[in-house]
Protein backbone atom coordinates (compact mmCIF):
# COMPACT_ATOMS: atom_id res chain seq x y z
CA MET A 1 -124.25 113.21 60.12
CA ARG A 2 -127.50 113.55 58.23
CA ARG A 3 -126.62 117.13 57.23
CA ILE A 4 -123.31 115.95 55.80
CA GLY A 5 -125.10 113.21 53.84
CA LEU A 6 -127.57 115.73 52.42
CA LEU A 7 -124.75 118.10 51.54
CA LEU A 8 -122.82 115.34 49.76
CA PHE A 9 -125.98 114.32 47.91
CA GLY A 10 -126.43 117.95 46.79
CA LEU A 11 -122.84 118.17 45.62
CA VAL A 12 -123.12 114.95 43.64
CA ALA A 13 -126.39 116.13 42.12
CA ALA A 14 -124.82 119.47 41.20
CA CYS A 15 -121.91 117.70 39.49
CA SER A 16 -124.10 115.34 37.54
CA SER A 17 -126.86 117.81 36.71
CA PRO A 18 -127.45 118.59 33.02
CA SER A 19 -127.20 122.26 34.03
CA SER A 20 -123.68 121.67 35.35
CA PRO A 21 -121.39 122.52 32.43
CA SER A 22 -118.29 120.50 31.63
CA GLY A 23 -114.80 121.95 32.00
CA ASP A 24 -114.53 122.26 28.23
CA ILE A 25 -117.74 124.31 28.05
CA LEU A 26 -116.70 126.51 30.99
CA TYR A 27 -113.28 127.05 29.42
CA ARG A 28 -114.73 128.02 26.03
CA ARG A 29 -117.26 130.35 27.68
CA TYR A 30 -114.95 132.14 30.12
CA CYS A 31 -111.31 131.63 29.14
CA ALA A 32 -110.83 130.97 25.42
CA SER A 33 -111.39 134.55 24.28
CA CYS A 34 -108.11 135.52 25.94
CA HIS A 35 -106.22 132.24 26.40
CA GLY A 36 -107.22 130.66 23.07
CA MET A 37 -108.92 127.36 22.37
CA THR A 38 -105.76 125.41 23.18
CA GLY A 39 -104.75 127.51 26.20
CA LYS A 40 -101.62 128.97 24.62
CA GLY A 41 -102.62 132.61 25.28
CA ASP A 42 -103.55 133.34 21.67
CA GLY A 43 -107.30 134.03 21.90
CA PRO A 44 -108.99 136.67 19.73
CA VAL A 45 -108.93 139.25 22.55
CA ALA A 46 -105.27 138.64 23.46
CA ALA A 47 -103.82 141.28 21.13
CA SER A 48 -105.90 144.03 22.73
CA LEU A 49 -104.72 143.33 26.29
CA ARG A 50 -102.09 145.39 28.04
CA ARG A 51 -100.26 142.21 29.07
CA PRO A 52 -100.53 139.02 27.03
CA PRO A 53 -102.54 136.19 28.61
CA SER A 54 -100.46 133.41 30.08
CA ASP A 55 -99.96 130.10 28.36
CA LEU A 56 -102.19 127.83 30.44
CA THR A 57 -100.56 124.72 29.01
CA THR A 58 -97.44 125.43 31.08
CA LEU A 59 -99.04 125.75 34.53
CA THR A 60 -97.48 122.48 35.68
CA GLN A 61 -94.10 123.34 34.20
CA ARG A 62 -94.08 126.77 35.91
CA ARG A 63 -94.84 125.14 39.27
CA GLY A 64 -91.89 122.75 39.19
CA GLY A 65 -93.70 119.85 37.53
CA ARG A 66 -96.72 119.95 39.85
CA PHE A 67 -100.22 121.06 38.86
CA ASP A 68 -101.24 123.32 41.75
CA GLU A 69 -105.00 122.86 41.83
CA GLY A 70 -105.42 125.16 44.84
CA TYR A 71 -103.66 128.00 43.04
CA VAL A 72 -105.67 127.45 39.84
CA ILE A 73 -108.97 127.44 41.74
CA ALA A 74 -107.92 130.59 43.63
CA VAL A 75 -107.22 132.35 40.32
CA VAL A 76 -110.51 131.19 38.82
CA ASP A 77 -112.63 132.30 41.77
CA GLY A 78 -110.79 135.58 42.31
CA GLN A 79 -108.99 134.84 45.57
CA GLN A 80 -105.63 135.07 43.78
CA HIS A 81 -105.13 138.40 42.01
CA VAL A 82 -103.97 138.23 38.40
CA ALA A 83 -102.97 141.57 36.84
CA GLU A 84 -104.35 140.60 33.43
CA HIS A 85 -107.82 140.08 34.90
CA GLY A 86 -108.07 143.77 35.75
CA PRO A 87 -108.24 145.75 38.96
CA ARG A 88 -108.91 143.86 42.19
CA ASP A 89 -112.46 145.21 42.38
CA MET A 90 -113.33 143.69 38.98
CA PRO A 91 -115.42 140.56 39.47
CA VAL A 92 -113.51 137.48 38.43
CA TRP A 93 -115.12 134.17 37.51
CA GLY A 94 -116.06 133.13 41.05
CA ALA A 95 -118.23 136.24 41.36
CA VAL A 96 -119.68 135.66 37.88
CA PHE A 97 -120.51 132.04 38.75
CA ASP A 98 -122.03 133.19 42.03
CA GLU A 99 -124.27 135.68 40.23
CA GLU A 100 -125.31 133.14 37.58
CA LEU A 101 -126.21 130.57 40.24
CA ARG A 102 -127.74 132.86 42.87
CA ASP A 103 -131.22 131.29 42.64
CA GLN A 104 -129.97 127.73 42.99
CA PRO A 105 -129.47 125.89 46.28
CA HIS A 106 -125.95 125.60 47.69
CA THR A 107 -124.58 128.35 45.46
CA GLY A 108 -121.23 128.55 47.26
CA TYR A 109 -120.57 124.86 46.77
CA THR A 110 -121.69 124.93 43.15
CA VAL A 111 -119.34 127.87 42.47
CA LEU A 112 -116.48 125.87 43.99
CA LEU A 113 -117.45 122.85 41.89
CA ARG A 114 -117.36 124.93 38.72
CA ALA A 115 -113.91 126.20 39.63
CA ARG A 116 -112.84 122.61 40.30
CA VAL A 117 -114.26 121.35 36.99
CA LEU A 118 -112.45 124.16 35.18
CA SER A 119 -109.24 123.33 37.05
CA ASP A 120 -109.55 119.67 36.04
CA TYR A 121 -109.97 120.75 32.42
CA LEU A 122 -106.87 122.98 32.64
CA ARG A 123 -104.94 120.02 34.06
CA SER A 124 -105.85 118.13 30.86
CA LEU A 125 -104.30 120.90 28.72
CA GLN A 126 -100.86 120.63 30.33
CA ALA A 127 -97.89 120.14 28.02
CA GLU A 128 -96.09 116.83 28.35
């Protein structure tokens, strides 16, 4: 029980830490260059891609009116392959987060938290 309490304390600390970026910051840093500032797929790099980036404001609409957080997190951390993100061996954001956080405690959980924070931000971009 004590281990679970310590783990939860670490997760809360990681979420509230000043070094824990918001979803907006993560999105601008990792996604906006392709998906655009509003998530419509119109970022400055979009025109140079083989396939246009998806419109992230329609994730809920494309999933039958349900925001599929598990799917979004799987795409962010690289578990779900997305052709536009490059070959399967290309590190996707989960690997990038892991590398950035490698010297911090509980890296795996912090990576998951970043993916979750980014997913929550993407939920906020959904079209009505």
